[in-house]
Amino acid sequence: MRLATVAQYGLLLGGLLLAPTTGFAVEDGFTPLTDGKTMAGWKINETPASWKLEEGAFVANGERSHLFYDNPGKPFKNFELRVDVWTEPGSNGGIYFHTKYQDTGWPKYGFESQVNNTGGDPRKTASIYAVKDTNEPPAKDGEWFTETIIVQGNRVITKINDKVIIDYTEPAGTKAGSDFTRVVDEGTFALQAHDPGSTVKYKNIRVKRLD
């Protein structure tokens, strides 16, 4: 790669690309979904006051609200999503995938990869909420960790700091229903502000589409 090309797209450091718009380290093949400076490309529902931007991170604290990626392209079906996350003690949050924008309420579509290390909910970080859960927190409050979601076909894997936490394969014939049954499909992403007692930070959000 010529030096001019490297300068144009960022600095290659140990296999990571420093995205010129965000200043965050983005792995080769990934696309940043935030610019680190604004909320451009994202849409807040029901309680805008629950969100702010602080040092390049989306900070969730307040009444229930969800921040949806306003995807201008085709829906995300098979992908690897990585999000750097920080939780304050007792906080609850989440990262939704295969979802779609809605004005109010908990997202009806898609799945939630839980963010909850020490909150009251027994479903802990990286659980595929109410589908396949872990009751042991794989991360700690008060420090940054990377939550990864990989979807390929009917298989969903979640990781924390590259360690596999959940490996779920959707059974053949699974259909969506009124009993919280979710199905692997396609859609966009959303971040969760759960309640006024929870503070969760999300930054360096990047994604790679998979075949």
Foldseek 3Di string as FASTA:
>chain_A
DDPVVCVVQAHQDPQWGQGPQQRDTHHPQKDFLDSLPDLPQKDKADDPVQWDRDRSKIKGAAAKMKIWRNDPDDWAAFKKKKKKKAWAAQAWKWKFFQFEDDRDDDTPAGWTQIDGAHHPDQFHGRARPPPGGDSHHPDDHPDIWMWMWGDDDQWIWIDINPHTDDIDGDDPPQDDDPVSGYGRDTHTMMIIRHHNVIIMIIHRIIMHGDD
